[in-house]
Amino acid sequence: MSLRLAPTFRERLAASDRPQIGMWACTGSPVLAEICAGSGLDWLLIDGEHGPNTIESIQLQLQVVAAYPITPLVRVPANDTVTIKQVLDVGAQNILVPMVSDAAEARAAVEAVHYPPRGRRGVGSALARSARWNRVDDYLAQAAEHVSLTVQIETAGAVVKAEEILAVDGVDAVFVGPSDLAASMGLLGQQTHPEVVTAVHRVFAAAKKVGKPVG
Protein backbone atom coordinates (compact mmCIF):
# COMPACT_ATOMS: atom_id res chain seq x y z
CA MET A 1 0.00 0.00 0.00
CA SER A 2 1.38 3.39 -1.02
CA LEU A 3 1.15 6.27 1.47
CA ARG A 4 1.44 10.02 1.02
CA LEU A 5 3.07 12.48 3.38
CA ALA A 6 1.63 15.81 4.45
CA PRO A 7 2.71 19.07 2.79
CA THR A 8 5.75 20.69 4.37
CA PHE A 9 5.88 23.95 6.29
CA ARG A 10 7.55 25.45 3.21
CA GLU A 11 4.55 24.47 1.09
CA ARG A 12 2.08 25.73 3.69
CA LEU A 13 3.81 29.11 3.80
CA ALA A 14 3.92 29.39 0.02
CA ALA A 15 0.25 28.49 -0.34
CA SER A 16 -1.07 30.94 2.24
CA ASP A 17 -2.03 34.56 1.65
CA ARG A 18 -1.87 35.41 5.37
CA PRO A 19 0.56 34.99 8.26
CA GLN A 20 0.68 31.47 9.67
CA ILE A 21 -0.04 31.37 13.41
CA GLY A 22 1.30 28.68 15.71
CA MET A 23 2.53 27.81 19.17
CA TRP A 24 5.26 25.96 21.06
CA ALA A 25 4.62 22.59 22.76
CA CYS A 26 7.30 22.31 25.44
CA THR A 27 6.07 19.74 27.98
CA GLY A 28 6.75 16.47 26.16
CA SER A 29 3.14 15.42 26.78
CA PRO A 30 1.34 13.77 23.83
CA VAL A 31 -1.98 14.67 25.44
CA LEU A 32 -1.09 18.36 25.50
CA ALA A 33 0.26 18.12 21.95
CA GLU A 34 -3.04 16.63 20.80
CA ILE A 35 -5.04 19.35 22.55
CA CYS A 36 -2.89 21.98 20.85
CA ALA A 37 -3.18 20.23 17.48
CA GLY A 38 -6.96 20.57 17.58
CA SER A 39 -6.89 24.25 18.47
CA GLY A 40 -7.35 25.60 14.96
CA LEU A 41 -3.82 26.99 14.70
CA ASP A 42 -1.73 26.59 11.55
CA TRP A 43 1.40 25.01 13.04
CA LEU A 44 2.69 23.44 16.23
CA LEU A 45 6.34 23.40 17.31
CA ILE A 46 7.47 20.38 19.33
CA ASP A 47 10.42 21.69 21.29
CA GLY A 48 13.46 19.47 21.65
CA GLU A 49 15.76 22.29 22.73
CA HIS A 50 14.16 23.65 25.90
CA GLY A 51 11.52 20.96 26.46
CA PRO A 52 11.99 17.57 28.19
CA ASN A 53 11.70 15.65 24.92
CA THR A 54 13.39 12.48 23.71
CA ILE A 55 13.35 10.88 20.28
CA GLU A 56 10.57 8.59 21.53
CA SER A 57 8.41 11.41 22.89
CA ILE A 58 8.88 13.45 19.72
CA GLN A 59 7.74 10.51 17.60
CA LEU A 60 4.69 9.95 19.80
CA GLN A 61 3.69 13.60 19.57
CA LEU A 62 4.11 13.57 15.80
CA GLN A 63 1.86 10.52 15.64
CA VAL A 64 -0.98 12.08 17.65
CA VAL A 65 -0.68 15.43 15.89
CA ALA A 66 -0.92 13.74 12.47
CA ALA A 67 -4.66 13.23 12.95
CA TYR A 68 -5.27 16.99 12.86
CA PRO A 69 -5.06 19.67 10.14
CA ILE A 70 -2.00 21.38 11.60
CA THR A 71 1.62 21.43 10.44
CA PRO A 72 4.07 20.11 13.05
CA LEU A 73 7.64 21.34 13.32
CA VAL A 74 10.36 19.97 15.58
CA ARG A 75 13.06 22.14 17.10
CA VAL A 76 16.20 20.10 17.55
CA PRO A 77 18.48 20.90 20.51
CA ALA A 78 21.43 21.85 18.31
CA ASN A 79 22.70 21.99 14.75
CA ASP A 80 23.86 18.39 14.96
CA THR A 81 23.79 15.99 12.01
CA VAL A 82 23.11 12.88 14.11
CA THR A 83 20.27 14.43 16.08
CA ILE A 84 18.66 15.85 12.96
CA LYS A 85 18.91 12.44 11.27
CA GLN A 86 17.13 10.77 14.17
CA VAL A 87 14.37 13.38 14.31
CA LEU A 88 13.80 13.10 10.57
CA ASP A 89 13.70 9.32 10.77
CA VAL A 90 10.91 9.36 13.38
CA GLY A 91 8.81 11.33 10.93
CA ALA A 92 9.52 15.02 11.40
CA GLN A 93 9.22 16.78 8.05
CA ASN A 94 9.83 20.30 9.30
CA ILE A 95 12.98 21.06 11.26
CA LEU A 96 13.82 24.20 13.23
CA VAL A 97 17.52 24.59 13.99
CA PRO A 98 18.45 27.02 16.79
CA MET A 99 21.47 29.30 17.13
CA VAL A 100 22.54 29.54 13.48
CA SER A 101 25.24 32.21 13.45
CA ASP A 102 26.55 32.36 9.88
CA ALA A 103 26.21 30.97 6.37
CA ALA A 104 28.52 28.03 7.09
CA GLU A 105 26.29 26.86 9.93
CA ALA A 106 23.23 27.33 7.73
CA ARG A 107 24.83 25.18 5.03
CA ALA A 108 25.63 22.53 7.64
CA ALA A 109 21.96 22.45 8.65
CA VAL A 110 20.91 22.08 5.01
CA GLU A 111 23.34 19.20 4.56
CA ALA A 112 21.97 17.51 7.69
CA VAL A 113 18.40 17.41 6.36
CA HIS A 114 19.28 16.12 2.87
CA TYR A 115 20.60 12.83 1.56
CA PRO A 116 23.77 12.69 -0.57
CA PRO A 117 24.89 14.10 -2.91
CA ARG A 118 23.25 17.31 -1.65
CA GLY A 119 23.77 16.55 2.01
CA ARG A 120 24.94 14.13 4.69
CA ARG A 121 21.74 12.63 6.04
CA GLY A 122 22.17 8.96 6.91
CA VAL A 123 20.04 6.53 4.93
CA GLY A 124 17.73 4.51 7.15
CA SER A 125 14.31 5.19 5.69
CA ALA A 126 13.39 1.53 5.23
CA LEU A 127 13.57 1.17 9.01
CA ALA A 128 11.87 4.42 9.87
CA ARG A 129 8.60 6.28 10.14
CA SER A 130 9.93 8.98 7.79
CA ALA A 131 9.16 6.83 4.73
CA ARG A 132 6.40 4.95 6.58
CA TRP A 133 8.63 1.89 6.46
CA ASN A 134 9.04 2.06 2.68
CA ARG A 135 5.34 2.64 2.02
CA VAL A 136 5.95 6.11 0.55
CA ASP A 137 6.77 5.58 -3.13
CA ASP A 138 10.17 6.91 -4.23
CA TYR A 139 10.83 8.40 -0.80
CA LEU A 140 14.60 8.55 -1.23
CA ALA A 141 14.40 10.14 -4.67
CA GLN A 142 11.86 12.71 -3.51
CA ALA A 143 13.03 13.20 0.07
CA ALA A 144 13.97 16.85 -0.48
CA GLU A 145 10.34 17.60 -1.30
CA HIS A 146 9.19 16.09 2.01
CA VAL A 147 11.44 18.19 4.29
CA SER A 148 11.63 21.87 5.18
CA LEU A 149 14.28 23.73 7.14
CA THR A 150 13.79 26.82 9.27
CA VAL A 151 16.73 28.37 11.10
CA GLN A 152 16.84 30.60 14.15
CA ILE A 153 18.82 33.82 14.34
CA GLU A 154 19.46 34.45 18.01
CA THR A 155 22.65 36.46 18.46
CA ALA A 156 23.85 39.92 17.62
CA GLY A 157 26.52 38.43 15.36
CA ALA A 158 23.93 36.44 13.45
CA VAL A 159 21.82 39.57 12.93
CA VAL A 160 24.75 41.16 11.12
CA LYS A 161 25.00 38.07 8.91
CA ALA A 162 21.25 37.53 8.50
CA GLU A 163 21.17 38.19 4.78
CA GLU A 164 23.94 35.71 4.01
CA ILE A 165 22.34 33.10 6.28
CA LEU A 166 18.99 33.46 4.55
CA ALA A 167 20.55 33.42 1.10
CA VAL A 168 21.75 29.83 1.64
CA ASP A 169 19.94 27.49 -0.73
CA GLY A 170 17.83 25.09 1.31
CA VAL A 171 17.00 27.50 4.13
CA ASP A 172 13.24 27.89 3.75
CA ALA A 173 12.41 30.33 6.57
CA VAL A 174 13.78 32.03 9.67
CA PHE A 175 12.61 32.61 13.23
CA VAL A 176 14.17 35.34 15.34
CA GLY A 177 14.83 34.30 18.95
CA PRO A 178 14.49 37.55 20.93
CA SER A 179 15.38 36.11 24.34
CA ASP A 180 18.83 34.83 23.36
CA LEU A 181 19.30 37.81 21.08
CA ALA A 182 18.73 40.17 24.00
CA ALA A 183 21.15 38.15 26.14
CA SER A 184 23.84 38.29 23.45
CA MET A 185 23.47 42.07 23.40
CA GLY A 186 24.01 42.37 27.14
CA LEU A 187 20.30 42.93 27.71
CA LEU A 188 19.29 39.67 29.39
CA GLY A 189 15.53 39.48 29.91
CA GLN A 190 14.91 42.72 28.02
CA GLN A 191 13.39 41.43 24.80
CA THR A 192 11.41 44.66 24.26
CA HIS A 193 14.44 46.93 24.66
CA PRO A 194 14.60 49.32 21.69
CA GLU A 195 18.01 47.98 20.62
CA VAL A 196 16.68 44.43 20.60
CA VAL A 197 13.58 45.45 18.66
CA THR A 198 15.78 47.23 16.12
CA ALA A 199 17.90 44.09 15.71
CA VAL A 200 14.78 41.99 15.17
CA HIS A 201 13.60 44.41 12.50
CA ARG A 202 16.99 44.13 10.78
CA VAL A 203 16.38 40.40 10.38
CA PHE A 204 12.87 41.06 9.08
CA ALA A 205 14.32 43.43 6.47
CA ALA A 206 17.00 40.92 5.45
CA ALA A 207 14.37 38.20 5.04
CA LYS A 208 12.20 40.44 2.93
CA LYS A 209 15.19 41.33 0.73
CA VAL A 210 16.01 37.70 -0.05
CA GLY A 211 12.35 36.63 -0.22
CA LYS A 212 12.28 34.24 2.74
CA PRO A 213 9.44 33.97 5.31
CA VAL A 214 10.28 35.30 8.77
CA GLY A 215 8.71 35.01 12.21
C-alpha atoms as a PDB file:
ATOM      1  CA  MET A   1       0.000   0.000   0.000  1.00  0.00           C
ATOM      2  CA  SER A   2       1.375   3.387  -1.018  1.00  0.00           C
ATOM      3  CA  LEU A   3       1.150   6.266   1.470  1.00  0.00           C
ATOM      4  CA  ARG A   4       1.436  10.021   1.022  1.00  0.00           C
ATOM      5  CA  LEU A   5       3.071  12.476   3.378  1.00  0.00           C
ATOM      6  CA  ALA A   6       1.633  15.812   4.454  1.00  0.00           C
ATOM      7  CA  PRO A   7       2.707  19.070   2.789  1.00  0.00           C
ATOM      8  CA  THR A   8       5.753  20.687   4.375  1.00  0.00           C
ATOM      9  CA  PHE A   9       5.878  23.947   6.289  1.00  0.00           C
ATOM     10  CA  ARG A  10       7.552  25.448   3.207  1.00  0.00           C
ATOM     11  CA  GLU A  11       4.548  24.471   1.087  1.00  0.00           C
ATOM     12  CA  ARG A  12       2.077  25.731   3.690  1.00  0.00           C
ATOM     13  CA  LEU A  13       3.810  29.110   3.798  1.00  0.00           C
ATOM     14  CA  ALA A  14       3.921  29.394   0.020  1.00  0.00           C
ATOM     15  CA  ALA A  15       0.250  28.490  -0.343  1.00  0.00           C
ATOM     16  CA  SER A  16      -1.065  30.936   2.241  1.00  0.00           C
ATOM     17  CA  ASP A  17      -2.031  34.561   1.650  1.00  0.00           C
ATOM     18  CA  ARG A  18      -1.875  35.411   5.368  1.00  0.00           C
ATOM     19  CA  PRO A  19       0.562  34.992   8.261  1.00  0.00           C
ATOM     20  CA  GLN A  20       0.678  31.470   9.671  1.00  0.00           C
ATOM     21  CA  ILE A  21      -0.041  31.372  13.405  1.00  0.00           C
ATOM     22  CA  GLY A  22       1.304  28.682  15.706  1.00  0.00           C
ATOM     23  CA  MET A  23       2.528  27.815  19.166  1.00  0.00           C
ATOM     24  CA  TRP A  24       5.264  25.962  21.060  1.00  0.00           C
ATOM     25  CA  ALA A  25       4.620  22.590  22.762  1.00  0.00           C
ATOM     26  CA  CYS A  26       7.302  22.306  25.436  1.00  0.00           C
ATOM     27  CA  THR A  27       6.072  19.743  27.984  1.00  0.00           C
ATOM     28  CA  GLY A  28       6.754  16.465  26.163  1.00  0.00           C
ATOM     29  CA  SER A  29       3.137  15.418  26.777  1.00  0.00           C
ATOM     30  CA  PRO A  30       1.342  13.768  23.835  1.00  0.00           C
ATOM     31  CA  VAL A  31      -1.984  14.674  25.437  1.00  0.00           C
ATOM     32  CA  LEU A  32      -1.086  18.357  25.497  1.00  0.00           C
ATOM     33  CA  ALA A  33       0.260  18.122  21.945  1.00  0.00           C
ATOM     34  CA  GLU A  34      -3.042  16.635  20.796  1.00  0.00           C
ATOM     35  CA  ILE A  35      -5.040  19.350  22.549  1.00  0.00           C
ATOM     36  CA  CYS A  36      -2.891  21.983  20.853  1.00  0.00           C
ATOM     37  CA  ALA A  37      -3.182  20.226  17.482  1.00  0.00           C
ATOM     38  CA  GLY A  38      -6.963  20.568  17.581  1.00  0.00           C
ATOM     39  CA  SER A  39      -6.888  24.253  18.467  1.00  0.00           C
ATOM     40  CA  GLY A  40      -7.346  25.596  14.958  1.00  0.00           C
ATOM     41  CA  LEU A  41      -3.818  26.991  14.700  1.00  0.00           C
ATOM     42  CA  ASP A  42      -1.733  26.589  11.552  1.00  0.00           C
ATOM     43  CA  TRP A  43       1.405  25.011  13.041  1.00  0.00           C
ATOM     44  CA  LEU A  44       2.685  23.436  16.233  1.00  0.00           C
ATOM     45  CA  LEU A  45       6.340  23.397  17.306  1.00  0.00           C
ATOM     46  CA  ILE A  46       7.470  20.376  19.329  1.00  0.00           C
ATOM     47  CA  ASP A  47      10.419  21.690  21.295  1.00  0.00           C
ATOM     48  CA  GLY A  48      13.462  19.472  21.647  1.00  0.00           C
ATOM     49  CA  GLU A  49      15.757  22.288  22.728  1.00  0.00           C
ATOM     50  CA  HIS A  50      14.155  23.647  25.898  1.00  0.00           C
ATOM     51  CA  GLY A  51      11.521  20.959  26.459  1.00  0.00           C
ATOM     52  CA  PRO A  52      11.992  17.572  28.185  1.00  0.00           C
ATOM     53  CA  ASN A  53      11.704  15.651  24.924  1.00  0.00           C
ATOM     54  CA  THR A  54      13.389  12.477  23.713  1.00  0.00           C
ATOM     55  CA  ILE A  55      13.346  10.875  20.278  1.00  0.00           C
ATOM     56  CA  GLU A  56      10.571   8.586  21.530  1.00  0.00           C
ATOM     57  CA  SER A  57       8.406  11.406  22.893  1.00  0.00           C
ATOM     58  CA  ILE A  58       8.880  13.448  19.715  1.00  0.00           C
ATOM     59  CA  GLN A  59       7.736  10.505  17.604  1.00  0.00           C
ATOM     60  CA  LEU A  60       4.693   9.951  19.805  1.00  0.00           C
ATOM     61  CA  GLN A  61       3.686  13.596  19.573  1.00  0.00           C
ATOM     62  CA  LEU A  62       4.111  13.566  15.798  1.00  0.00           C
ATOM     63  CA  GLN A  63       1.860  10.518  15.644  1.00  0.00           C
ATOM     64  CA  VAL A  64      -0.980  12.076  17.654  1.00  0.00           C
ATOM     65  CA  VAL A  65      -0.681  15.431  15.893  1.00  0.00           C
ATOM     66  CA  ALA A  66      -0.923  13.745  12.475  1.00  0.00           C
ATOM     67  CA  ALA A  67      -4.657  13.227  12.949  1.00  0.00           C
ATOM     68  CA  TYR A  68      -5.270  16.990  12.859  1.00  0.00           C
ATOM     69  CA  PRO A  69      -5.057  19.669  10.136  1.00  0.00           C
ATOM     70  CA  ILE A  70      -2.004  21.382  11.599  1.00  0.00           C
ATOM     71  CA  THR A  71       1.616  21.433  10.443  1.00  0.00           C
ATOM     72  CA  PRO A  72       4.068  20.106  13.048  1.00  0.00           C
ATOM     73  CA  LEU A  73       7.641  21.336  13.320  1.00  0.00           C
ATOM     74  CA  VAL A  74      10.361  19.972  15.579  1.00  0.00           C
ATOM     75  CA  ARG A  75      13.056  22.144  17.100  1.00  0.00           C
ATOM     76  CA  VAL A  76      16.201  20.099  17.548  1.00  0.00           C
ATOM     77  CA  PRO A  77      18.480  20.903  20.507  1.00  0.00           C
ATOM     78  CA  ALA A  78      21.433  21.848  18.306  1.00  0.00           C
ATOM     79  CA  ASN A  79      22.696  21.995  14.751  1.00  0.00           C
ATOM     80  CA  ASP A  80      23.859  18.388  14.960  1.00  0.00           C
ATOM     81  CA  THR A  81      23.788  15.986  12.009  1.00  0.00           C
ATOM     82  CA  VAL A  82      23.110  12.875  14.111  1.00  0.00           C
ATOM     83  CA  THR A  83      20.265  14.435  16.083  1.00  0.00           C
ATOM     84  CA  ILE A  84      18.662  15.851  12.963  1.00  0.00           C
ATOM     85  CA  LYS A  85      18.910  12.441  11.271  1.00  0.00           C
ATOM     86  CA  GLN A  86      17.132  10.769  14.171  1.00  0.00           C
ATOM     87  CA  VAL A  87      14.371  13.381  14.309  1.00  0.00           C
ATOM     88  CA  LEU A  88      13.802  13.105  10.569  1.00  0.00           C
ATOM     89  CA  ASP A  89      13.696   9.318  10.774  1.00  0.00           C
ATOM     90  CA  VAL A  90      10.906   9.359  13.381  1.00  0.00           C
ATOM     91  CA  GLY A  91       8.809  11.326  10.925  1.00  0.00           C
ATOM     92  CA  ALA A  92       9.523  15.022  11.402  1.00  0.00           C
ATOM     93  CA  GLN A  93       9.222  16.780   8.053  1.00  0.00           C
ATOM     94  CA  ASN A  94       9.830  20.300   9.296  1.00  0.00           C
ATOM     95  CA  ILE A  95      12.983  21.058  11.260  1.00  0.00           C
ATOM     96  CA  LEU A  96      13.817  24.195  13.230  1.00  0.00           C
ATOM     97  CA  VAL A  97      17.517  24.591  13.991  1.00  0.00           C
ATOM     98  CA  PRO A  98      18.454  27.018  16.789  1.00  0.00           C
ATOM     99  CA  MET A  99      21.466  29.302  17.126  1.00  0.00           C
ATOM    100  CA  VAL A 100      22.535  29.540  13.482  1.00  0.00           C
ATOM    101  CA  SER A 101      25.242  32.207  13.451  1.00  0.00           C
ATOM    102  CA  ASP A 102      26.551  32.357   9.881  1.00  0.00           C
ATOM    103  CA  ALA A 103      26.207  30.974   6.370  1.00  0.00           C
ATOM    104  CA  ALA A 104      28.525  28.027   7.088  1.00  0.00           C
ATOM    105  CA  GLU A 105      26.286  26.862   9.934  1.00  0.00           C
ATOM    106  CA  ALA A 106      23.227  27.333   7.728  1.00  0.00           C
ATOM    107  CA  ARG A 107      24.826  25.175   5.029  1.00  0.00           C
ATOM    108  CA  ALA A 108      25.627  22.528   7.643  1.00  0.00           C
ATOM    109  CA  ALA A 109      21.959  22.451   8.648  1.00  0.00           C
ATOM    110  CA  VAL A 110      20.915  22.083   5.006  1.00  0.00           C
ATOM    111  CA  GLU A 111      23.335  19.205   4.560  1.00  0.00           C
ATOM    112  CA  ALA A 112      21.968  17.514   7.686  1.00  0.00           C
ATOM    113  CA  VAL A 113      18.402  17.414   6.357  1.00  0.00           C
ATOM    114  CA  HIS A 114      19.280  16.116   2.873  1.00  0.00           C
ATOM    115  CA  TYR A 115      20.604  12.833   1.557  1.00  0.00           C
ATOM    116  CA  PRO A 116      23.773  12.693  -0.571  1.00  0.00           C
ATOM    117  CA  PRO A 117      24.885  14.102  -2.909  1.00  0.00           C
ATOM    118  CA  ARG A 118      23.250  17.306  -1.654  1.00  0.00           C
ATOM    119  CA  GLY A 119      23.773  16.545   2.010  1.00  0.00           C
ATOM    120  CA  ARG A 120      24.942  14.131   4.687  1.00  0.00           C
ATOM    121  CA  ARG A 121      21.742  12.629   6.042  1.00  0.00           C
ATOM    122  CA  GLY A 122      22.169   8.961   6.914  1.00  0.00           C
ATOM    123  CA  VAL A 123      20.037   6.535   4.929  1.00  0.00           C
ATOM    124  CA  GLY A 124      17.727   4.514   7.148  1.00  0.00           C
ATOM    125  CA  SER A 125      14.308   5.193   5.693  1.00  0.00           C
ATOM    126  CA  ALA A 126      13.393   1.535   5.230  1.00  0.00           C
ATOM    127  CA  LEU A 127      13.571   1.169   9.012  1.00  0.00           C
ATOM    128  CA  ALA A 128      11.870   4.425   9.868  1.00  0.00           C
ATOM    129  CA  ARG A 129       8.602   6.276  10.140  1.00  0.00           C
ATOM    130  CA  SER A 130       9.925   8.984   7.789  1.00  0.00           C
ATOM    131  CA  ALA A 131       9.163   6.827   4.733  1.00  0.00           C
ATOM    132  CA  ARG A 132       6.405   4.952   6.578  1.00  0.00           C
ATOM    133  CA  TRP A 133       8.632   1.886   6.462  1.00  0.00           C
ATOM    134  CA  ASN A 134       9.040   2.058   2.676  1.00  0.00           C
ATOM    135  CA  ARG A 135       5.339   2.636   2.021  1.00  0.00           C
ATOM    136  CA  VAL A 136       5.949   6.108   0.545  1.00  0.00           C
ATOM    137  CA  ASP A 137       6.770   5.577  -3.129  1.00  0.00           C
ATOM    138  CA  ASP A 138      10.170   6.907  -4.234  1.00  0.00           C
ATOM    139  CA  TYR A 139      10.834   8.404  -0.804  1.00  0.00           C
ATOM    140  CA  LEU A 140      14.597   8.545  -1.234  1.00  0.00           C
ATOM    141  CA  ALA A 141      14.396  10.142  -4.669  1.00  0.00           C
ATOM    142  CA  GLN A 142      11.858  12.708  -3.507  1.00  0.00           C
ATOM    143  CA  ALA A 143      13.027  13.196   0.071  1.00  0.00           C
ATOM    144  CA  ALA A 144      13.972  16.847  -0.479  1.00  0.00           C
ATOM    145  CA  GLU A 145      10.340  17.597  -1.300  1.00  0.00           C
ATOM    146  CA  HIS A 146       9.194  16.094   2.010  1.00  0.00           C
ATOM    147  CA  VAL A 147      11.441  18.186   4.287  1.00  0.00           C
ATOM    148  CA  SER A 148      11.627  21.873   5.180  1.00  0.00           C
ATOM    149  CA  LEU A 149      14.279  23.733   7.139  1.00  0.00           C
ATOM    150  CA  THR A 150      13.790  26.822   9.265  1.00  0.00           C
ATOM    151  CA  VAL A 151      16.732  28.373  11.100  1.00  0.00           C
ATOM    152  CA  GLN A 152      16.835  30.601  14.149  1.00  0.00           C
ATOM    153  CA  ILE A 153      18.819  33.822  14.336  1.00  0.00           C
ATOM    154  CA  GLU A 154      19.457  34.452  18.014  1.00  0.00           C
ATOM    155  CA  THR A 155      22.654  36.464  18.456  1.00  0.00           C
ATOM    156  CA  ALA A 156      23.854  39.922  17.616  1.00  0.00           C
ATOM    157  CA  GLY A 157      26.518  38.425  15.359  1.00  0.00           C
ATOM    158  CA  ALA A 158      23.925  36.444  13.454  1.00  0.00           C
ATOM    159  CA  VAL A 159      21.820  39.574  12.931  1.00  0.00           C
ATOM    160  CA  VAL A 160      24.750  41.162  11.116  1.00  0.00           C
ATOM    161  CA  LYS A 161      25.002  38.069   8.907  1.00  0.00           C
ATOM    162  CA  ALA A 162      21.245  37.535   8.502  1.00  0.00           C
ATOM    163  CA  GLU A 163      21.166  38.192   4.783  1.00  0.00           C
ATOM    164  CA  GLU A 164      23.944  35.713   4.006  1.00  0.00           C
ATOM    165  CA  ILE A 165      22.336  33.102   6.279  1.00  0.00           C
ATOM    166  CA  LEU A 166      18.993  33.459   4.546  1.00  0.00           C
ATOM    167  CA  ALA A 167      20.550  33.418   1.097  1.00  0.00           C
ATOM    168  CA  VAL A 168      21.745  29.832   1.637  1.00  0.00           C
ATOM    169  CA  ASP A 169      19.941  27.491  -0.734  1.00  0.00           C
ATOM    170  CA  GLY A 170      17.827  25.094   1.305  1.00  0.00           C
ATOM    171  CA  VAL A 171      16.996  27.496   4.132  1.00  0.00           C
ATOM    172  CA  ASP A 172      13.245  27.893   3.755  1.00  0.00           C
ATOM    173  CA  ALA A 173      12.413  30.330   6.567  1.00  0.00           C
ATOM    174  CA  VAL A 174      13.782  32.028   9.673  1.00  0.00           C
ATOM    175  CA  PHE A 175      12.613  32.612  13.234  1.00  0.00           C
ATOM    176  CA  VAL A 176      14.166  35.336  15.343  1.00  0.00           C
ATOM    177  CA  GLY A 177      14.831  34.302  18.951  1.00  0.00           C
ATOM    178  CA  PRO A 178      14.490  37.549  20.929  1.00  0.00           C
ATOM    179  CA  SER A 179      15.384  36.114  24.338  1.00  0.00           C
ATOM    180  CA  ASP A 180      18.826  34.826  23.356  1.00  0.00           C
ATOM    181  CA  LEU A 181      19.297  37.813  21.080  1.00  0.00           C
ATOM    182  CA  ALA A 182      18.734  40.166  23.997  1.00  0.00           C
ATOM    183  CA  ALA A 183      21.150  38.152  26.143  1.00  0.00           C
ATOM    184  CA  SER A 184      23.835  38.288  23.450  1.00  0.00           C
ATOM    185  CA  MET A 185      23.468  42.068  23.398  1.00  0.00           C
ATOM    186  CA  GLY A 186      24.010  42.366  27.141  1.00  0.00           C
ATOM    187  CA  LEU A 187      20.301  42.931  27.707  1.00  0.00           C
ATOM    188  CA  LEU A 188      19.295  39.672  29.387  1.00  0.00           C
ATOM    189  CA  GLY A 189      15.529  39.478  29.906  1.00  0.00           C
ATOM    190  CA  GLN A 190      14.907  42.716  28.023  1.00  0.00           C
ATOM    191  CA  GLN A 191      13.386  41.431  24.797  1.00  0.00           C
ATOM    192  CA  THR A 192      11.412  44.658  24.263  1.00  0.00           C
ATOM    193  CA  HIS A 193      14.437  46.933  24.661  1.00  0.00           C
ATOM    194  CA  PRO A 194      14.601  49.322  21.688  1.00  0.00           C
ATOM    195  CA  GLU A 195      18.011  47.980  20.619  1.00  0.00           C
ATOM    196  CA  VAL A 196      16.680  44.427  20.597  1.00  0.00           C
ATOM    197  CA  VAL A 197      13.581  45.446  18.656  1.00  0.00           C
ATOM    198  CA  THR A 198      15.780  47.228  16.117  1.00  0.00           C
ATOM    199  CA  ALA A 199      17.899  44.093  15.710  1.00  0.00           C
ATOM    200  CA  VAL A 200      14.775  41.988  15.168  1.00  0.00           C
ATOM    201  CA  HIS A 201      13.598  44.409  12.498  1.00  0.00           C
ATOM    202  CA  ARG A 202      16.985  44.126  10.775  1.00  0.00           C
ATOM    203  CA  VAL A 203      16.381  40.397  10.377  1.00  0.00           C
ATOM    204  CA  PHE A 204      12.870  41.057   9.076  1.00  0.00           C
ATOM    205  CA  ALA A 205      14.318  43.426   6.474  1.00  0.00           C
ATOM    206  CA  ALA A 206      16.998  40.920   5.446  1.00  0.00           C
ATOM    207  CA  ALA A 207      14.371  38.195   5.037  1.00  0.00           C
ATOM    208  CA  LYS A 208      12.197  40.436   2.925  1.00  0.00           C
ATOM    209  CA  LYS A 209      15.187  41.331   0.734  1.00  0.00           C
ATOM    210  CA  VAL A 210      16.006  37.699  -0.050  1.00  0.00           C
ATOM    211  CA  GLY A 211      12.348  36.626  -0.220  1.00  0.00           C
ATOM    212  CA  LYS A 212      12.281  34.236   2.740  1.00  0.00           C
ATOM    213  CA  PRO A 213       9.442  33.966   5.309  1.00  0.00           C
ATOM    214  CA  VAL A 214      10.281  35.300   8.765  1.00  0.00           C
ATOM    215  CA  GLY A 215       8.710  35.007  12.211  1.00  0.00           C
END
